[in-house]
Amino acid sequence: MSTGAGARVKAALCELLFRCGAAALVRALNNRRRGNPVCILSAHRVADPAEPLSERDAADLARGCLSLPEFAQRIGWLRRRFHFASLEAYGRALAGGGTMGPNTVILTFDDGFRDVYRRAYPRLLADGIPFAVFLTTGWVGRDPLMLSEGDVREMARNGRGLITWGAHGVTHTALTALAPAEAEEEIVRSKRQVEEWTGAPVGFFSYPDGRYDERIRAMLVKHEFSAACATGRALNWGAVDRFALKRIPCESERLSRFAFRVAGRV
């Protein structure tokens, strides 16, 4: 069987199992066996293919960024089956040794694309859905694709209580590739800048490219961060490391495949 044919067979089987309720069963089993694991989703863009597309838009859609119809579908599907929680609430639970309820999902956006302001934020605000935004501060206002300072300030003002703001470095350089002083400067400058724009303390960090080590982790502790998000493609359960929270990509794919990822079958 060719690779393409094999992929089609797997996709068809996944769709059949999804329609039979297998994803919900996997989720229920994980809730029972793993003490209600928390699913943190990581997204970047929400592009609208109905609008004129720039070369970057087309390239990002081809690479698998969320389209607006997919985003709306995902949010609607998740709202009917999961409980959206804020990253801030989860951080407090971890710090206090507590847990979250069953079927908890947390939505995060990295980098600071203006799509979040134009397409995701209005829907999430209207529905009262909490979410987190990790800003690469050196990219803010850089070009029309990125959030402007005014966008950030408006979102912070209108989304207070719903949006958790976090730092994602200044230049999006992997911190493990930098000298210690440079890495610390990226952390401190991005934290201070996000705090200035949003008017709120910043206690969360997202590692650029998901790369970190004990040296970087110690810097976050030193500068009073309470938690940090990595990658990991897994749910968070058991002895969770607050400075290595795992996230599952929220990208373009069949809803049936996404359902199994959120359930823990990643």
C-alpha atoms as a PDB file:
ATOM      1  CA  MET A   1       0.000   0.000   0.000  1.00  0.00           C
ATOM      2  CA  SER A   2       1.390   3.407  -0.954  1.00  0.00           C
ATOM      3  CA  THR A   3       2.035   6.058   1.673  1.00  0.00           C
ATOM      4  CA  GLY A   4      -0.799   8.195   0.316  1.00  0.00           C
ATOM      5  CA  ALA A   5      -3.257   5.294   0.305  1.00  0.00           C
ATOM      6  CA  GLY A   6      -2.227   4.337   3.826  1.00  0.00           C
ATOM      7  CA  ALA A   7      -2.822   7.883   5.052  1.00  0.00           C
ATOM      8  CA  ARG A   8      -6.282   7.902   3.470  1.00  0.00           C
ATOM      9  CA  VAL A   9      -7.183   4.615   5.135  1.00  0.00           C
ATOM     10  CA  LYS A  10      -6.045   5.936   8.527  1.00  0.00           C
ATOM     11  CA  ALA A  11      -8.029   9.130   8.042  1.00  0.00           C
ATOM     12  CA  ALA A  12     -11.155   7.168   7.105  1.00  0.00           C
ATOM     13  CA  LEU A  13     -10.751   4.885  10.135  1.00  0.00           C
ATOM     14  CA  CYS A  14     -10.247   7.904  12.415  1.00  0.00           C
ATOM     15  CA  GLU A  15     -13.413   9.489  11.012  1.00  0.00           C
ATOM     16  CA  LEU A  16     -15.402   6.298  11.572  1.00  0.00           C
ATOM     17  CA  LEU A  17     -14.191   5.916  15.156  1.00  0.00           C
ATOM     18  CA  PHE A  18     -14.940   9.585  15.839  1.00  0.00           C
ATOM     19  CA  ARG A  19     -18.496   9.222  14.570  1.00  0.00           C
ATOM     20  CA  CYS A  20     -18.928   6.164  16.787  1.00  0.00           C
ATOM     21  CA  GLY A  21     -17.968   8.182  19.877  1.00  0.00           C
ATOM     22  CA  ALA A  22     -14.509   6.691  20.400  1.00  0.00           C
ATOM     23  CA  ALA A  23     -12.862  10.060  21.072  1.00  0.00           C
ATOM     24  CA  ALA A  24     -15.298  10.756  23.891  1.00  0.00           C
ATOM     25  CA  LEU A  25     -14.563   7.307  25.320  1.00  0.00           C
ATOM     26  CA  VAL A  26     -10.803   7.948  25.219  1.00  0.00           C
ATOM     27  CA  ARG A  27     -11.343  11.256  26.996  1.00  0.00           C
ATOM     28  CA  ALA A  28     -13.505   9.651  29.694  1.00  0.00           C
ATOM     29  CA  LEU A  29     -10.914   6.930  30.290  1.00  0.00           C
ATOM     30  CA  ASN A  30      -8.123   9.497  30.571  1.00  0.00           C
ATOM     31  CA  ASN A  31     -10.180  11.546  33.027  1.00  0.00           C
ATOM     32  CA  ARG A  32     -10.584   8.459  35.182  1.00  0.00           C
ATOM     33  CA  ARG A  33      -7.084   7.026  34.910  1.00  0.00           C
ATOM     34  CA  ARG A  34      -5.113  10.276  34.980  1.00  0.00           C
ATOM     35  CA  GLY A  35      -7.133  12.461  37.302  1.00  0.00           C
ATOM     36  CA  ASN A  36      -8.707  14.881  34.827  1.00  0.00           C
ATOM     37  CA  PRO A  37      -5.724  15.864  32.665  1.00  0.00           C
ATOM     38  CA  VAL A  38      -5.666  19.417  31.323  1.00  0.00           C
ATOM     39  CA  CYS A  39      -5.382  20.073  27.594  1.00  0.00           C
ATOM     40  CA  ILE A  40      -3.545  23.262  26.601  1.00  0.00           C
ATOM     41  CA  LEU A  41      -3.923  24.170  22.924  1.00  0.00           C
ATOM     42  CA  SER A  42      -1.365  26.249  21.050  1.00  0.00           C
ATOM     43  CA  ALA A  43      -2.341  28.286  18.006  1.00  0.00           C
ATOM     44  CA  HIS A  44      -0.733  31.115  16.063  1.00  0.00           C
ATOM     45  CA  ARG A  45      -2.882  32.458  13.277  1.00  0.00           C
ATOM     46  CA  VAL A  46      -6.549  32.460  12.218  1.00  0.00           C
ATOM     47  CA  ALA A  47      -6.417  33.295   8.508  1.00  0.00           C
ATOM     48  CA  ASP A  48      -9.499  33.977   6.405  1.00  0.00           C
ATOM     49  CA  PRO A  49      -9.260  32.329   2.969  1.00  0.00           C
ATOM     50  CA  ALA A  50     -12.293  34.360   1.834  1.00  0.00           C
ATOM     51  CA  GLU A  51     -10.213  37.559   1.991  1.00  0.00           C
ATOM     52  CA  PRO A  52      -7.434  38.553  -0.432  1.00  0.00           C
ATOM     53  CA  LEU A  53      -4.370  36.606   0.682  1.00  0.00           C
ATOM     54  CA  SER A  54      -0.812  37.853   0.837  1.00  0.00           C
ATOM     55  CA  GLU A  55       2.016  35.467  -0.025  1.00  0.00           C
ATOM     56  CA  ARG A  56       2.595  34.985   3.705  1.00  0.00           C
ATOM     57  CA  ASP A  57      -1.104  34.238   4.295  1.00  0.00           C
ATOM     58  CA  ALA A  58      -1.151  31.626   1.541  1.00  0.00           C
ATOM     59  CA  ALA A  59       2.095  30.066   2.755  1.00  0.00           C
ATOM     60  CA  ASP A  60       0.889  29.840   6.357  1.00  0.00           C
ATOM     61  CA  LEU A  61      -2.412  28.299   5.292  1.00  0.00           C
ATOM     62  CA  ALA A  62      -0.495  25.767   3.209  1.00  0.00           C
ATOM     63  CA  ARG A  63       1.660  24.957   6.247  1.00  0.00           C
ATOM     64  CA  GLY A  64      -1.446  24.269   8.305  1.00  0.00           C
ATOM     65  CA  CYS A  65      -2.421  27.401  10.236  1.00  0.00           C
ATOM     66  CA  LEU A  66      -6.075  27.602  11.243  1.00  0.00           C
ATOM     67  CA  SER A  67      -8.551  29.091   8.808  1.00  0.00           C
ATOM     68  CA  LEU A  68     -11.444  31.160  10.133  1.00  0.00           C
ATOM     69  CA  PRO A  69     -14.054  28.440   9.357  1.00  0.00           C
ATOM     70  CA  GLU A  70     -11.911  25.856  11.153  1.00  0.00           C
ATOM     71  CA  PHE A  71     -11.496  28.120  14.155  1.00  0.00           C
ATOM     72  CA  ALA A  72     -15.257  28.685  14.409  1.00  0.00           C
ATOM     73  CA  GLN A  73     -15.868  24.943  14.073  1.00  0.00           C
ATOM     74  CA  ARG A  74     -13.316  24.088  16.767  1.00  0.00           C
ATOM     75  CA  ILE A  75     -14.636  26.637  19.254  1.00  0.00           C
ATOM     76  CA  GLY A  76     -18.215  25.506  18.753  1.00  0.00           C
ATOM     77  CA  TRP A  77     -17.286  21.834  19.109  1.00  0.00           C
ATOM     78  CA  LEU A  78     -15.156  22.424  22.210  1.00  0.00           C
ATOM     79  CA  ARG A  79     -17.819  24.564  23.915  1.00  0.00           C
ATOM     80  CA  ARG A  80     -20.294  21.688  23.725  1.00  0.00           C
ATOM     81  CA  ARG A  81     -17.913  19.134  25.232  1.00  0.00           C
ATOM     82  CA  PHE A  82     -15.237  20.874  27.283  1.00  0.00           C
ATOM     83  CA  HIS A  83     -14.849  23.543  29.915  1.00  0.00           C
ATOM     84  CA  PHE A  84     -12.668  26.470  28.839  1.00  0.00           C
ATOM     85  CA  ALA A  85     -10.430  27.672  31.664  1.00  0.00           C
ATOM     86  CA  SER A  86      -7.875  30.449  31.868  1.00  0.00           C
ATOM     87  CA  LEU A  87      -4.170  29.781  32.010  1.00  0.00           C
ATOM     88  CA  GLU A  88      -4.096  32.010  35.078  1.00  0.00           C
ATOM     89  CA  ALA A  89      -6.611  29.784  36.895  1.00  0.00           C
ATOM     90  CA  TYR A  90      -4.583  26.699  36.034  1.00  0.00           C
ATOM     91  CA  GLY A  91      -1.419  28.370  37.287  1.00  0.00           C
ATOM     92  CA  ARG A  92      -3.101  29.119  40.601  1.00  0.00           C
ATOM     93  CA  ALA A  93      -4.296  25.519  40.886  1.00  0.00           C
ATOM     94  CA  LEU A  94      -0.810  24.165  40.244  1.00  0.00           C
ATOM     95  CA  ALA A  95       0.786  26.570  42.705  1.00  0.00           C
ATOM     96  CA  GLY A  96      -1.694  25.537  45.384  1.00  0.00           C
ATOM     97  CA  GLY A  97      -1.438  21.825  44.730  1.00  0.00           C
ATOM     98  CA  GLY A  98      -4.981  21.689  43.401  1.00  0.00           C
ATOM     99  CA  THR A  99      -6.509  20.241  40.248  1.00  0.00           C
ATOM    100  CA  MET A 100      -8.904  21.344  37.540  1.00  0.00           C
ATOM    101  CA  GLY A 101     -12.283  19.814  36.735  1.00  0.00           C
ATOM    102  CA  PRO A 102     -12.890  17.182  34.071  1.00  0.00           C
ATOM    103  CA  ASN A 103     -12.563  18.071  30.384  1.00  0.00           C
ATOM    104  CA  THR A 104     -10.626  21.281  30.961  1.00  0.00           C
ATOM    105  CA  VAL A 105      -9.146  22.951  27.898  1.00  0.00           C
ATOM    106  CA  ILE A 106      -7.013  26.102  27.738  1.00  0.00           C
ATOM    107  CA  LEU A 107      -6.522  28.069  24.520  1.00  0.00           C
ATOM    108  CA  THR A 108      -3.251  29.926  23.873  1.00  0.00           C
ATOM    109  CA  PHE A 109      -1.885  31.981  20.979  1.00  0.00           C
ATOM    110  CA  ASP A 110       1.822  32.548  20.402  1.00  0.00           C
ATOM    111  CA  ASP A 111       3.722  35.386  18.692  1.00  0.00           C
ATOM    112  CA  GLY A 112       1.060  38.119  18.450  1.00  0.00           C
ATOM    113  CA  PHE A 113      -0.416  37.917  14.965  1.00  0.00           C
ATOM    114  CA  ARG A 114      -3.105  40.489  14.218  1.00  0.00           C
ATOM    115  CA  ASP A 115      -5.418  37.641  13.195  1.00  0.00           C
ATOM    116  CA  VAL A 116      -5.981  37.120  16.904  1.00  0.00           C
ATOM    117  CA  TYR A 117      -7.315  40.654  17.242  1.00  0.00           C
ATOM    118  CA  ARG A 118      -9.346  40.666  14.031  1.00  0.00           C
ATOM    119  CA  ARG A 119     -10.838  37.160  14.044  1.00  0.00           C
ATOM    120  CA  ALA A 120     -10.331  35.239  17.287  1.00  0.00           C
ATOM    121  CA  TYR A 121     -10.706  37.918  19.949  1.00  0.00           C
ATOM    122  CA  PRO A 122     -14.204  39.165  18.907  1.00  0.00           C
ATOM    123  CA  ARG A 123     -15.648  35.629  18.962  1.00  0.00           C
ATOM    124  CA  LEU A 124     -13.951  34.652  22.208  1.00  0.00           C
ATOM    125  CA  LEU A 125     -14.914  37.914  23.915  1.00  0.00           C
ATOM    126  CA  ALA A 126     -18.545  37.582  22.827  1.00  0.00           C
ATOM    127  CA  ASP A 127     -18.704  33.997  24.080  1.00  0.00           C
ATOM    128  CA  GLY A 128     -16.859  34.760  27.325  1.00  0.00           C
ATOM    129  CA  ILE A 129     -14.109  32.254  26.535  1.00  0.00           C
ATOM    130  CA  PRO A 130     -10.793  32.830  28.337  1.00  0.00           C
ATOM    131  CA  PHE A 131      -7.557  32.563  26.361  1.00  0.00           C
ATOM    132  CA  ALA A 132      -3.890  33.473  26.604  1.00  0.00           C
ATOM    133  CA  VAL A 133      -1.687  35.539  24.290  1.00  0.00           C
ATOM    134  CA  PHE A 134       2.101  35.272  24.384  1.00  0.00           C
ATOM    135  CA  LEU A 135       3.672  38.320  22.738  1.00  0.00           C
ATOM    136  CA  THR A 136       6.974  38.447  20.915  1.00  0.00           C
ATOM    137  CA  THR A 137       7.406  42.080  21.865  1.00  0.00           C
ATOM    138  CA  GLY A 138       9.871  43.028  19.143  1.00  0.00           C
ATOM    139  CA  TRP A 139       7.304  41.994  16.532  1.00  0.00           C
ATOM    140  CA  VAL A 140       4.477  44.182  17.855  1.00  0.00           C
ATOM    141  CA  GLY A 141       3.753  46.917  15.311  1.00  0.00           C
ATOM    142  CA  ARG A 142       6.456  45.619  12.991  1.00  0.00           C
ATOM    143  CA  ASP A 143       4.137  45.102  10.016  1.00  0.00           C
ATOM    144  CA  PRO A 144       0.408  44.720   9.247  1.00  0.00           C
ATOM    145  CA  LEU A 145       0.504  41.000  10.063  1.00  0.00           C
ATOM    146  CA  MET A 146       1.326  41.635  13.706  1.00  0.00           C
ATOM    147  CA  LEU A 147      -0.611  43.196  16.553  1.00  0.00           C
ATOM    148  CA  SER A 148      -0.002  46.886  17.086  1.00  0.00           C
ATOM    149  CA  GLU A 149       0.511  48.443  20.493  1.00  0.00           C
ATOM    150  CA  GLY A 150      -2.970  49.932  20.172  1.00  0.00           C
ATOM    151  CA  ASP A 151      -4.451  46.493  19.475  1.00  0.00           C
ATOM    152  CA  VAL A 152      -2.793  45.087  22.579  1.00  0.00           C
ATOM    153  CA  ARG A 153      -3.967  47.929  24.781  1.00  0.00           C
ATOM    154  CA  GLU A 154      -7.542  47.644  23.480  1.00  0.00           C
ATOM    155  CA  MET A 155      -7.628  43.874  23.974  1.00  0.00           C
ATOM    156  CA  ALA A 156      -6.190  44.231  27.469  1.00  0.00           C
ATOM    157  CA  ARG A 157      -8.792  46.839  28.390  1.00  0.00           C
ATOM    158  CA  ASN A 158     -11.816  45.020  26.973  1.00  0.00           C
ATOM    159  CA  GLY A 159     -10.657  41.517  27.779  1.00  0.00           C
ATOM    160  CA  ARG A 160      -9.681  42.026  31.391  1.00  0.00           C
ATOM    161  CA  GLY A 161     -10.567  38.883  33.283  1.00  0.00           C
ATOM    162  CA  LEU A 162     -10.607  36.798  30.102  1.00  0.00           C
ATOM    163  CA  ILE A 163      -7.177  37.276  28.549  1.00  0.00           C
ATOM    164  CA  THR A 164      -4.026  36.033  30.230  1.00  0.00           C
ATOM    165  CA  TRP A 165      -1.039  37.913  28.826  1.00  0.00           C
ATOM    166  CA  GLY A 166       2.364  36.292  28.632  1.00  0.00           C
ATOM    167  CA  ALA A 167       5.863  37.001  27.344  1.00  0.00           C
ATOM    168  CA  HIS A 168       7.449  35.185  24.401  1.00  0.00           C
ATOM    169  CA  GLY A 169      10.801  36.936  24.195  1.00  0.00           C
ATOM    170  CA  VAL A 170      11.760  40.022  22.224  1.00  0.00           C
ATOM    171  CA  THR A 171      13.103  38.514  18.999  1.00  0.00           C
ATOM    172  CA  HIS A 172      11.687  34.951  19.102  1.00  0.00           C
ATOM    173  CA  THR A 173      15.218  33.569  19.308  1.00  0.00           C
ATOM    174  CA  ALA A 174      15.515  30.176  21.004  1.00  0.00           C
ATOM    175  CA  LEU A 175      16.872  31.136  24.423  1.00  0.00           C
ATOM    176  CA  THR A 176      19.076  28.049  24.671  1.00  0.00           C
ATOM    177  CA  ALA A 177      21.051  29.355  21.678  1.00  0.00           C
ATOM    178  CA  LEU A 178      21.936  32.620  23.443  1.00  0.00           C
ATOM    179  CA  ALA A 179      24.559  33.565  25.986  1.00  0.00           C
ATOM    180  CA  PRO A 180      23.124  33.734  29.527  1.00  0.00           C
ATOM    181  CA  ALA A 181      23.045  37.535  29.637  1.00  0.00           C
ATOM    182  CA  GLU A 182      21.306  37.733  26.256  1.00  0.00           C
ATOM    183  CA  ALA A 183      18.715  35.108  27.218  1.00  0.00           C
ATOM    184  CA  GLU A 184      17.955  36.914  30.453  1.00  0.00           C
ATOM    185  CA  GLU A 185      17.593  40.210  28.592  1.00  0.00           C
ATOM    186  CA  GLU A 186      15.032  38.610  26.249  1.00  0.00           C
ATOM    187  CA  ILE A 187      13.039  37.364  29.229  1.00  0.00           C
ATOM    188  CA  VAL A 188      13.146  40.578  31.275  1.00  0.00           C
ATOM    189  CA  ARG A 189      12.540  43.026  28.439  1.00  0.00           C
ATOM    190  CA  SER A 190       9.586  41.094  27.040  1.00  0.00           C
ATOM    191  CA  LYS A 191       8.008  40.740  30.491  1.00  0.00           C
ATOM    192  CA  ARG A 192       8.337  44.456  31.257  1.00  0.00           C
ATOM    193  CA  GLN A 193       7.026  45.500  27.849  1.00  0.00           C
ATOM    194  CA  VAL A 194       3.939  43.290  28.036  1.00  0.00           C
ATOM    195  CA  GLU A 195       3.242  44.592  31.536  1.00  0.00           C
ATOM    196  CA  GLU A 196       3.481  48.172  30.306  1.00  0.00           C
ATOM    197  CA  TRP A 197       1.093  47.606  27.399  1.00  0.00           C
ATOM    198  CA  THR A 198      -1.479  45.579  29.328  1.00  0.00           C
ATOM    199  CA  GLY A 199      -1.273  47.265  32.727  1.00  0.00           C
ATOM    200  CA  ALA A 200      -1.165  43.896  34.468  1.00  0.00           C
ATOM    201  CA  PRO A 201       1.556  41.695  36.001  1.00  0.00           C
ATOM    202  CA  VAL A 202       2.907  39.011  33.655  1.00  0.00           C
ATOM    203  CA  GLY A 203       3.531  35.644  35.263  1.00  0.00           C
ATOM    204  CA  PHE A 204       3.576  33.339  32.238  1.00  0.00           C
ATOM    205  CA  PHE A 205       6.192  32.695  29.569  1.00  0.00           C
ATOM    206  CA  SER A 206       6.179  30.699  26.343  1.00  0.00           C
ATOM    207  CA  TYR A 207       9.556  29.358  25.219  1.00  0.00           C
ATOM    208  CA  PRO A 208      10.387  30.412  21.631  1.00  0.00           C
ATOM    209  CA  ASP A 209      10.517  27.239  19.533  1.00  0.00           C
ATOM    210  CA  GLY A 210       9.663  25.359  22.732  1.00  0.00           C
ATOM    211  CA  ARG A 211      13.338  25.178  23.701  1.00  0.00           C
ATOM    212  CA  TYR A 212      14.495  25.539  27.295  1.00  0.00           C
ATOM    213  CA  ASP A 213      16.884  24.058  29.829  1.00  0.00           C
ATOM    214  CA  GLU A 214      17.482  24.318  33.567  1.00  0.00           C
ATOM    215  CA  ARG A 215      19.402  27.562  33.100  1.00  0.00           C
ATOM    216  CA  ILE A 216      16.437  29.214  31.355  1.00  0.00           C
ATOM    217  CA  ARG A 217      13.998  27.767  33.870  1.00  0.00           C
ATOM    218  CA  ALA A 218      16.029  29.270  36.728  1.00  0.00           C
ATOM    219  CA  MET A 219      15.873  32.687  35.053  1.00  0.00           C
ATOM    220  CA  LEU A 220      12.087  32.528  34.942  1.00  0.00           C
ATOM    221  CA  VAL A 221      11.946  31.665  38.632  1.00  0.00           C
ATOM    222  CA  LYS A 222      14.360  34.499  39.391  1.00  0.00           C
ATOM    223  CA  HIS A 223      12.159  37.014  37.590  1.00  0.00           C
ATOM    224  CA  GLU A 224       8.983  35.844  39.328  1.00  0.00           C
ATOM    225  CA  PHE A 225       7.229  33.954  36.562  1.00  0.00           C
ATOM    226  CA  SER A 226       4.747  31.426  37.893  1.00  0.00           C
ATOM    227  CA  ALA A 227       4.677  29.013  34.922  1.00  0.00           C
ATOM    228  CA  ALA A 228       5.862  28.505  31.362  1.00  0.00           C
ATOM    229  CA  CYS A 229       4.518  26.735  28.284  1.00  0.00           C
ATOM    230  CA  ALA A 230       6.575  24.449  26.099  1.00  0.00           C
ATOM    231  CA  THR A 231       5.382  22.015  23.415  1.00  0.00           C
ATOM    232  CA  GLY A 232       5.288  18.290  24.181  1.00  0.00           C
ATOM    233  CA  ARG A 233       2.134  17.267  22.257  1.00  0.00           C
ATOM    234  CA  ALA A 234       0.569  15.770  25.374  1.00  0.00           C
ATOM    235  CA  LEU A 235      -1.951  16.441  28.123  1.00  0.00           C
ATOM    236  CA  ASN A 236      -0.897  17.729  31.539  1.00  0.00           C
ATOM    237  CA  TRP A 237      -1.493  15.284  34.369  1.00  0.00           C
ATOM    238  CA  GLY A 238       0.227  13.757  37.383  1.00  0.00           C
ATOM    239  CA  ALA A 239       3.297  15.572  38.691  1.00  0.00           C
ATOM    240  CA  VAL A 240       3.051  18.597  36.371  1.00  0.00           C
ATOM    241  CA  ASP A 241       6.152  20.777  36.018  1.00  0.00           C
ATOM    242  CA  ARG A 242       4.784  24.341  36.031  1.00  0.00           C
ATOM    243  CA  PHE A 243       7.727  25.490  33.914  1.00  0.00           C
ATOM    244  CA  ALA A 244       7.254  22.834  31.238  1.00  0.00           C
ATOM    245  CA  LEU A 245       3.527  22.833  30.529  1.00  0.00           C
ATOM    246  CA  LYS A 246       2.756  20.650  27.531  1.00  0.00           C
ATOM    247  CA  ARG A 247       0.646  21.918  24.664  1.00  0.00           C
ATOM    248  CA  ILE A 248      -1.122  20.324  21.733  1.00  0.00           C
ATOM    249  CA  PRO A 249      -1.050  22.178  18.395  1.00  0.00           C
ATOM    250  CA  CYS A 250      -4.372  23.613  17.262  1.00  0.00           C
ATOM    251  CA  GLU A 251      -3.814  23.532  13.520  1.00  0.00           C
ATOM    252  CA  SER A 252      -5.575  22.699  10.290  1.00  0.00           C
ATOM    253  CA  GLU A 253      -6.698  19.056  10.231  1.00  0.00           C
ATOM    254  CA  ARG A 254      -9.883  17.021  10.276  1.00  0.00           C
ATOM    255  CA  LEU A 255     -12.083  17.606  13.298  1.00  0.00           C
ATOM    256  CA  SER A 256     -12.030  13.849  13.907  1.00  0.00           C
ATOM    257  CA  ARG A 257      -8.228  13.859  14.269  1.00  0.00           C
ATOM    258  CA  PHE A 258      -8.303  16.967  16.437  1.00  0.00           C
ATOM    259  CA  ALA A 259     -10.896  15.326  18.718  1.00  0.00           C
ATOM    260  CA  PHE A 260      -8.568  12.433  19.440  1.00  0.00           C
ATOM    261  CA  ARG A 261      -5.664  14.809  20.136  1.00  0.00           C
ATOM    262  CA  VAL A 262      -7.707  16.749  22.681  1.00  0.00           C
ATOM    263  CA  ALA A 263      -8.834  13.488  24.231  1.00  0.00           C
ATOM    264  CA  GLY A 264      -5.204  12.494  24.752  1.00  0.00           C
ATOM    265  CA  ARG A 265      -4.594  10.223  21.795  1.00  0.00           C
ATOM    266  CA  VAL A 266      -2.076  12.547  20.163  1.00  0.00           C
END
